Amino acid sequence: MRNIVKILKILIVSMLSLPIIAIIFLITDGHLDNYKKSDAGVVLGNKVNSDGTLSPRLKGRLTKAYELYKNQVIERIIVSGAIGIEGIDEALTMKKYLNKWGVPENRIIADSNGTNTYATAKNVKEYMDSNNWDSVVIITQYHHISRTRLAFHRFGIKNATCAHADYYEIRDIFAIFRELAACCYYLIRDYQ
């Protein structure tokens, strides 16, 4: 009986430890920027407010993309999003924002069909194939990096490095748990 109790204790501790280890991995992986000179940077969309202003998260992503473009790490920027519940096209709003910062319009590609991470990965793969590009830098929040990279790899984008936005907020705590569940789903998801 004592051996069964001991085994149960070990199993319970192991089951409780696994999510903690996964969370530590997500946080660490998201902060280990490994970008290099690439054909394009891919900014994943986020909320555009009903007045057309960008959420702080989205500003953080675009700021990172602009820095990489300005420092000649990326040659162009793909902004990927969709029309949010506010009725505003995220991709076109991001393109205008970057254009105001001095990024030429012909260096910004607006993907208005990036309804989620999966769709963005699929669309980026099509852009890469049609333009003979072989490398991209994923630009998003640190907690979103692992799932995004997983989606890109599942679509056959092998040369995808990452850069996280330098923006943090209290809701990141919730986002980390959401990403943990989403990563599990993306691991079993059928990619077509």
C-alpha atoms as a PDB file:
ATOM      1  CA  MET A   1       0.000   0.000   0.000  1.00  0.00           C
ATOM      2  CA  ARG A   2       2.820   2.410   0.845  1.00  0.00           C
ATOM      3  CA  ASN A   3       4.346   1.842  -2.605  1.00  0.00           C
ATOM      4  CA  ILE A   4       1.052   2.700  -4.301  1.00  0.00           C
ATOM      5  CA  VAL A   5       0.780   5.930  -2.292  1.00  0.00           C
ATOM      6  CA  LYS A   6       4.377   6.797  -3.163  1.00  0.00           C
ATOM      7  CA  ILE A   7       3.736   6.148  -6.867  1.00  0.00           C
ATOM      8  CA  LEU A   8       0.558   8.256  -6.759  1.00  0.00           C
ATOM      9  CA  LYS A   9       2.454  11.123  -5.120  1.00  0.00           C
ATOM     10  CA  ILE A  10       5.121  10.969  -7.828  1.00  0.00           C
ATOM     11  CA  LEU A  11       2.462  10.937 -10.560  1.00  0.00           C
ATOM     12  CA  ILE A  12       0.622  13.907  -9.042  1.00  0.00           C
ATOM     13  CA  VAL A  13       3.804  15.954  -8.653  1.00  0.00           C
ATOM     14  CA  SER A  14       4.802  15.080 -12.221  1.00  0.00           C
ATOM     15  CA  MET A  15       1.398  16.071 -13.611  1.00  0.00           C
ATOM     16  CA  LEU A  16       1.496  19.372 -11.741  1.00  0.00           C
ATOM     17  CA  SER A  17       5.076  20.069 -12.828  1.00  0.00           C
ATOM     18  CA  LEU A  18       4.478  19.561 -16.554  1.00  0.00           C
ATOM     19  CA  PRO A  19       2.385  22.728 -17.081  1.00  0.00           C
ATOM     20  CA  ILE A  20       4.890  24.762 -15.065  1.00  0.00           C
ATOM     21  CA  ILE A  21       7.752  23.481 -17.200  1.00  0.00           C
ATOM     22  CA  ALA A  22       5.746  24.239 -20.369  1.00  0.00           C
ATOM     23  CA  ILE A  23       5.022  27.792 -19.170  1.00  0.00           C
ATOM     24  CA  ILE A  24       8.697  28.370 -18.387  1.00  0.00           C
ATOM     25  CA  PHE A  25       9.528  27.097 -21.874  1.00  0.00           C
ATOM     26  CA  LEU A  26       6.987  29.447 -23.538  1.00  0.00           C
ATOM     27  CA  ILE A  27       8.290  32.468 -21.669  1.00  0.00           C
ATOM     28  CA  THR A  28      11.936  31.633 -22.286  1.00  0.00           C
ATOM     29  CA  ASP A  29      11.456  30.673 -25.936  1.00  0.00           C
ATOM     30  CA  GLY A  30       9.574  33.892 -26.583  1.00  0.00           C
ATOM     31  CA  HIS A  31      12.402  36.024 -25.231  1.00  0.00           C
ATOM     32  CA  LEU A  32      15.206  34.300 -27.135  1.00  0.00           C
ATOM     33  CA  ASP A  33      15.160  36.469 -30.255  1.00  0.00           C
ATOM     34  CA  ASN A  34      17.153  34.717 -32.940  1.00  0.00           C
ATOM     35  CA  TYR A  35      16.474  36.911 -35.951  1.00  0.00           C
ATOM     36  CA  LYS A  36      18.882  37.293 -38.827  1.00  0.00           C
ATOM     37  CA  LYS A  37      18.873  39.083 -42.167  1.00  0.00           C
ATOM     38  CA  SER A  38      15.710  37.905 -43.908  1.00  0.00           C
ATOM     39  CA  ASP A  39      13.514  38.529 -46.923  1.00  0.00           C
ATOM     40  CA  ALA A  40      10.649  39.806 -44.789  1.00  0.00           C
ATOM     41  CA  GLY A  41       9.356  40.428 -41.319  1.00  0.00           C
ATOM     42  CA  VAL A  42       5.856  39.184 -40.502  1.00  0.00           C
ATOM     43  CA  VAL A  43       3.867  41.242 -38.006  1.00  0.00           C
ATOM     44  CA  LEU A  44       0.892  39.344 -36.628  1.00  0.00           C
ATOM     45  CA  GLY A  45      -2.185  41.487 -36.142  1.00  0.00           C
ATOM     46  CA  ASN A  46      -3.836  42.596 -32.970  1.00  0.00           C
ATOM     47  CA  LYS A  47      -6.558  44.972 -31.906  1.00  0.00           C
ATOM     48  CA  VAL A  48      -7.156  48.247 -33.705  1.00  0.00           C
ATOM     49  CA  ASN A  49      -9.440  50.441 -31.605  1.00  0.00           C
ATOM     50  CA  SER A  50     -12.757  51.697 -33.010  1.00  0.00           C
ATOM     51  CA  ASP A  51     -11.224  55.170 -33.444  1.00  0.00           C
ATOM     52  CA  GLY A  52      -8.501  53.678 -35.665  1.00  0.00           C
ATOM     53  CA  THR A  53      -5.699  53.873 -33.113  1.00  0.00           C
ATOM     54  CA  LEU A  54      -3.521  50.854 -32.482  1.00  0.00           C
ATOM     55  CA  SER A  55      -3.575  48.850 -29.278  1.00  0.00           C
ATOM     56  CA  PRO A  56      -0.314  49.143 -27.321  1.00  0.00           C
ATOM     57  CA  ARG A  57       0.443  45.479 -28.162  1.00  0.00           C
ATOM     58  CA  LEU A  58       0.150  46.167 -31.871  1.00  0.00           C
ATOM     59  CA  LYS A  59       2.249  49.333 -31.582  1.00  0.00           C
ATOM     60  CA  GLY A  60       4.929  47.257 -29.854  1.00  0.00           C
ATOM     61  CA  ARG A  61       4.964  44.751 -32.708  1.00  0.00           C
ATOM     62  CA  LEU A  62       5.141  47.467 -35.362  1.00  0.00           C
ATOM     63  CA  THR A  63       7.887  49.288 -33.472  1.00  0.00           C
ATOM     64  CA  LYS A  64       9.966  46.101 -33.480  1.00  0.00           C
ATOM     65  CA  ALA A  65       9.302  45.587 -37.208  1.00  0.00           C
ATOM     66  CA  TYR A  66      10.309  49.171 -37.946  1.00  0.00           C
ATOM     67  CA  GLU A  67      13.551  48.763 -35.955  1.00  0.00           C
ATOM     68  CA  LEU A  68      14.417  45.593 -37.889  1.00  0.00           C
ATOM     69  CA  TYR A  69      13.604  47.275 -41.207  1.00  0.00           C
ATOM     70  CA  LYS A  70      15.562  50.418 -40.328  1.00  0.00           C
ATOM     71  CA  ASN A  71      18.563  48.288 -39.300  1.00  0.00           C
ATOM     72  CA  GLN A  72      18.309  46.378 -42.609  1.00  0.00           C
ATOM     73  CA  VAL A  73      17.576  43.042 -40.950  1.00  0.00           C
ATOM     74  CA  ILE A  74      14.404  42.661 -43.048  1.00  0.00           C
ATOM     75  CA  GLU A  75      13.867  43.878 -46.611  1.00  0.00           C
ATOM     76  CA  ARG A  76      10.095  44.255 -46.380  1.00  0.00           C
ATOM     77  CA  ILE A  77       7.284  43.883 -43.882  1.00  0.00           C
ATOM     78  CA  ILE A  78       4.198  41.689 -44.160  1.00  0.00           C
ATOM     79  CA  VAL A  79       1.443  42.979 -41.881  1.00  0.00           C
ATOM     80  CA  SER A  80      -1.143  40.287 -41.314  1.00  0.00           C
ATOM     81  CA  GLY A  81      -4.557  40.764 -39.773  1.00  0.00           C
ATOM     82  CA  ALA A  82      -8.233  40.884 -40.581  1.00  0.00           C
ATOM     83  CA  ILE A  83     -11.273  43.036 -39.991  1.00  0.00           C
ATOM     84  CA  GLY A  84     -11.857  42.989 -36.250  1.00  0.00           C
ATOM     85  CA  ILE A  85     -15.115  43.416 -34.365  1.00  0.00           C
ATOM     86  CA  GLU A  86     -14.454  47.158 -34.534  1.00  0.00           C
ATOM     87  CA  GLY A  87     -14.957  46.965 -38.323  1.00  0.00           C
ATOM     88  CA  ILE A  88     -11.427  48.122 -39.146  1.00  0.00           C
ATOM     89  CA  ASP A  89      -8.951  46.266 -41.360  1.00  0.00           C
ATOM     90  CA  GLU A  90      -5.945  45.593 -39.110  1.00  0.00           C
ATOM     91  CA  ALA A  91      -3.524  44.957 -41.981  1.00  0.00           C
ATOM     92  CA  LEU A  92      -4.337  48.180 -43.834  1.00  0.00           C
ATOM     93  CA  THR A  93      -4.156  50.183 -40.594  1.00  0.00           C
ATOM     94  CA  MET A  94      -0.737  48.669 -39.812  1.00  0.00           C
ATOM     95  CA  LYS A  95       0.456  49.448 -43.335  1.00  0.00           C
ATOM     96  CA  LYS A  96      -0.603  53.119 -42.980  1.00  0.00           C
ATOM     97  CA  TYR A  97       1.137  53.324 -39.601  1.00  0.00           C
ATOM     98  CA  LEU A  98       4.435  51.988 -40.962  1.00  0.00           C
ATOM     99  CA  ASN A  99       4.127  54.190 -44.042  1.00  0.00           C
ATOM    100  CA  LYS A 100       3.820  57.270 -41.796  1.00  0.00           C
ATOM    101  CA  TRP A 101       7.073  56.193 -40.120  1.00  0.00           C
ATOM    102  CA  GLY A 102       8.789  56.282 -43.503  1.00  0.00           C
ATOM    103  CA  VAL A 103       8.631  52.665 -44.658  1.00  0.00           C
ATOM    104  CA  PRO A 104       7.904  52.896 -48.416  1.00  0.00           C
ATOM    105  CA  GLU A 105       4.532  51.552 -49.470  1.00  0.00           C
ATOM    106  CA  ASN A 106       6.164  49.066 -51.871  1.00  0.00           C
ATOM    107  CA  ARG A 107       8.025  47.540 -48.901  1.00  0.00           C
ATOM    108  CA  ILE A 108       4.844  46.767 -46.948  1.00  0.00           C
ATOM    109  CA  ILE A 109       2.549  43.888 -47.880  1.00  0.00           C
ATOM    110  CA  ALA A 110      -0.900  43.919 -46.297  1.00  0.00           C
ATOM    111  CA  ASP A 111      -2.401  40.480 -45.696  1.00  0.00           C
ATOM    112  CA  SER A 112      -6.016  41.235 -44.778  1.00  0.00           C
ATOM    113  CA  ASN A 113      -6.833  37.525 -44.618  1.00  0.00           C
ATOM    114  CA  GLY A 114      -4.740  36.837 -41.521  1.00  0.00           C
ATOM    115  CA  THR A 115      -7.729  35.951 -39.375  1.00  0.00           C
ATOM    116  CA  ASN A 116      -5.576  33.917 -36.974  1.00  0.00           C
ATOM    117  CA  THR A 117      -2.058  32.526 -36.585  1.00  0.00           C
ATOM    118  CA  TYR A 118      -2.845  29.501 -38.759  1.00  0.00           C
ATOM    119  CA  ALA A 119      -4.168  31.697 -41.616  1.00  0.00           C
ATOM    120  CA  THR A 120      -1.188  34.020 -41.356  1.00  0.00           C
ATOM    121  CA  ALA A 121       1.255  31.104 -41.628  1.00  0.00           C
ATOM    122  CA  LYS A 122      -0.602  29.728 -44.643  1.00  0.00           C
ATOM    123  CA  ASN A 123      -0.705  33.130 -46.362  1.00  0.00           C
ATOM    124  CA  VAL A 124       2.962  33.857 -45.653  1.00  0.00           C
ATOM    125  CA  LYS A 125       3.933  30.496 -47.165  1.00  0.00           C
ATOM    126  CA  GLU A 126       2.051  31.479 -50.352  1.00  0.00           C
ATOM    127  CA  TYR A 127       3.800  34.890 -50.453  1.00  0.00           C
ATOM    128  CA  MET A 128       7.163  33.227 -49.947  1.00  0.00           C
ATOM    129  CA  ASP A 129       6.576  30.637 -52.657  1.00  0.00           C
ATOM    130  CA  SER A 130       5.322  33.163 -55.209  1.00  0.00           C
ATOM    131  CA  ASN A 131       8.257  35.530 -54.573  1.00  0.00           C
ATOM    132  CA  ASN A 132      11.023  32.933 -54.125  1.00  0.00           C
ATOM    133  CA  TRP A 133      11.743  34.091 -50.577  1.00  0.00           C
ATOM    134  CA  ASP A 134      13.357  31.674 -48.190  1.00  0.00           C
ATOM    135  CA  SER A 135      13.462  33.518 -44.855  1.00  0.00           C
ATOM    136  CA  VAL A 136      11.204  35.524 -42.554  1.00  0.00           C
ATOM    137  CA  VAL A 137      11.297  37.005 -39.085  1.00  0.00           C
ATOM    138  CA  ILE A 138       8.167  36.436 -36.996  1.00  0.00           C
ATOM    139  CA  ILE A 139       7.264  39.531 -34.957  1.00  0.00           C
ATOM    140  CA  THR A 140       4.704  39.184 -32.171  1.00  0.00           C
ATOM    141  CA  GLN A 141       4.381  39.114 -28.359  1.00  0.00           C
ATOM    142  CA  TYR A 142       6.831  36.814 -26.542  1.00  0.00           C
ATOM    143  CA  HIS A 143       4.106  34.429 -25.402  1.00  0.00           C
ATOM    144  CA  HIS A 144       2.877  34.002 -28.998  1.00  0.00           C
ATOM    145  CA  ILE A 145       6.270  33.137 -30.533  1.00  0.00           C
ATOM    146  CA  SER A 146       6.275  29.361 -29.924  1.00  0.00           C
ATOM    147  CA  ARG A 147       2.837  28.746 -31.439  1.00  0.00           C
ATOM    148  CA  THR A 148       3.537  31.024 -34.394  1.00  0.00           C
ATOM    149  CA  ARG A 149       6.839  29.322 -35.133  1.00  0.00           C
ATOM    150  CA  LEU A 150       5.098  25.943 -34.869  1.00  0.00           C
ATOM    151  CA  ALA A 151       2.454  27.008 -37.397  1.00  0.00           C
ATOM    152  CA  PHE A 152       5.099  28.371 -39.783  1.00  0.00           C
ATOM    153  CA  HIS A 153       7.113  25.150 -39.591  1.00  0.00           C
ATOM    154  CA  ARG A 154       4.006  23.028 -40.100  1.00  0.00           C
ATOM    155  CA  PHE A 155       3.384  24.936 -43.356  1.00  0.00           C
ATOM    156  CA  GLY A 156       6.942  24.201 -44.485  1.00  0.00           C
ATOM    157  CA  ILE A 157       8.556  27.538 -43.598  1.00  0.00           C
ATOM    158  CA  LYS A 158      11.815  26.232 -42.188  1.00  0.00           C
ATOM    159  CA  ASN A 159      13.777  29.469 -42.127  1.00  0.00           C
ATOM    160  CA  ALA A 160      11.631  31.477 -39.693  1.00  0.00           C
ATOM    161  CA  THR A 161      13.425  33.350 -36.940  1.00  0.00           C
ATOM    162  CA  CYS A 162      11.761  35.451 -34.249  1.00  0.00           C
ATOM    163  CA  ALA A 163      11.717  38.846 -32.564  1.00  0.00           C
ATOM    164  CA  HIS A 164       9.382  39.713 -29.714  1.00  0.00           C
ATOM    165  CA  ALA A 165       7.697  43.056 -29.149  1.00  0.00           C
ATOM    166  CA  ASP A 166       9.026  44.985 -26.176  1.00  0.00           C
ATOM    167  CA  TYR A 167       5.615  45.488 -24.640  1.00  0.00           C
ATOM    168  CA  TYR A 168       4.326  43.811 -21.482  1.00  0.00           C
ATOM    169  CA  GLU A 169       1.055  44.035 -19.597  1.00  0.00           C
ATOM    170  CA  ILE A 170      -0.791  42.248 -16.819  1.00  0.00           C
ATOM    171  CA  ARG A 171      -2.976  40.337 -19.276  1.00  0.00           C
ATOM    172  CA  ASP A 172       0.155  38.456 -20.400  1.00  0.00           C
ATOM    173  CA  ILE A 173      -0.513  36.130 -17.456  1.00  0.00           C
ATOM    174  CA  PHE A 174      -3.800  35.032 -19.035  1.00  0.00           C
ATOM    175  CA  ALA A 175      -2.211  34.988 -22.499  1.00  0.00           C
ATOM    176  CA  ILE A 176       0.498  32.568 -21.375  1.00  0.00           C
ATOM    177  CA  PHE A 177      -2.116  30.042 -20.221  1.00  0.00           C
ATOM    178  CA  ARG A 178      -4.120  30.552 -23.414  1.00  0.00           C
ATOM    179  CA  GLU A 179      -0.991  29.999 -25.503  1.00  0.00           C
ATOM    180  CA  LEU A 180      -0.221  26.813 -23.607  1.00  0.00           C
ATOM    181  CA  ALA A 181      -3.612  25.389 -24.609  1.00  0.00           C
ATOM    182  CA  ALA A 182      -3.305  26.766 -28.159  1.00  0.00           C
ATOM    183  CA  CYS A 183       0.140  25.182 -28.612  1.00  0.00           C
ATOM    184  CA  CYS A 184      -1.303  21.806 -27.637  1.00  0.00           C
ATOM    185  CA  TYR A 185      -4.064  22.281 -30.198  1.00  0.00           C
ATOM    186  CA  TYR A 186      -1.592  23.356 -32.911  1.00  0.00           C
ATOM    187  CA  LEU A 187       0.489  20.236 -32.226  1.00  0.00           C
ATOM    188  CA  ILE A 188      -2.444  17.985 -33.149  1.00  0.00           C
ATOM    189  CA  ARG A 189      -4.088  20.244 -35.743  1.00  0.00           C
ATOM    190  CA  ASP A 190      -4.314  19.046 -39.326  1.00  0.00           C
ATOM    191  CA  TYR A 191      -2.424  21.432 -41.637  1.00  0.00           C
ATOM    192  CA  GLN A 192      -3.690  21.722 -45.204  1.00  0.00           C
END
